[in-house]
Amino acid sequence: MIITDEKLLRVECVDVLPDEVLSLKEKLEEELQLSFKLGRPGIDLACPQIGIAKNMAVVRISTGTGKFHNVDLVNCRISETYDQAEFHGEGCLSFPDMTATTLRYKEIKVVDNLVEPHEFVATGLLAVCIQHELDHLRGVLLPDLAIKSQM
């Protein structure tokens, strides 16, 4: 079950060990699928959102052309950011009745990822999703970043 209690989401995450990656990935994907079946589709999810204080998140975005951006984020960080702009309509499975306008970077460089790719550049919606999920791993939530919000 995806956690919606702000206090429970503000946890200190610890790094993921290599032998934990597969089971955590499966748990995150199962929760995304369950959420979709319950009528709450999401495209990304972090371990703290399912009650696990580990530095891991998944992003699953359909490009609309039959292709997907499937990215696993494990113990990684953003090393470079470019072109900050307002992003409208950002949502979060942990805040199901909220969308917000946030400040996000249009392009980011991710490094130190435990899994492939170990280093990559992300743009557009993928970059926004990665920033959102890495925020979760630091206890930073959508209400903290909202310039404007709708409930």
Foldseek 3Di string as FASTA:
>chain_A
DFAQDLVLLQDAADFDDPVCVVVLVVVQVVVQVVCVVVVRHDFKDEPSRVRHRHQKMWGWADPVPRDIDTDIAGPKDWDDFADWDWDFFDDDPSNRQKGAIFIFGQKTWIACGPDPPRIDMDGDPVRVRVVQRSCSSNSHHPVNGGPDMDD
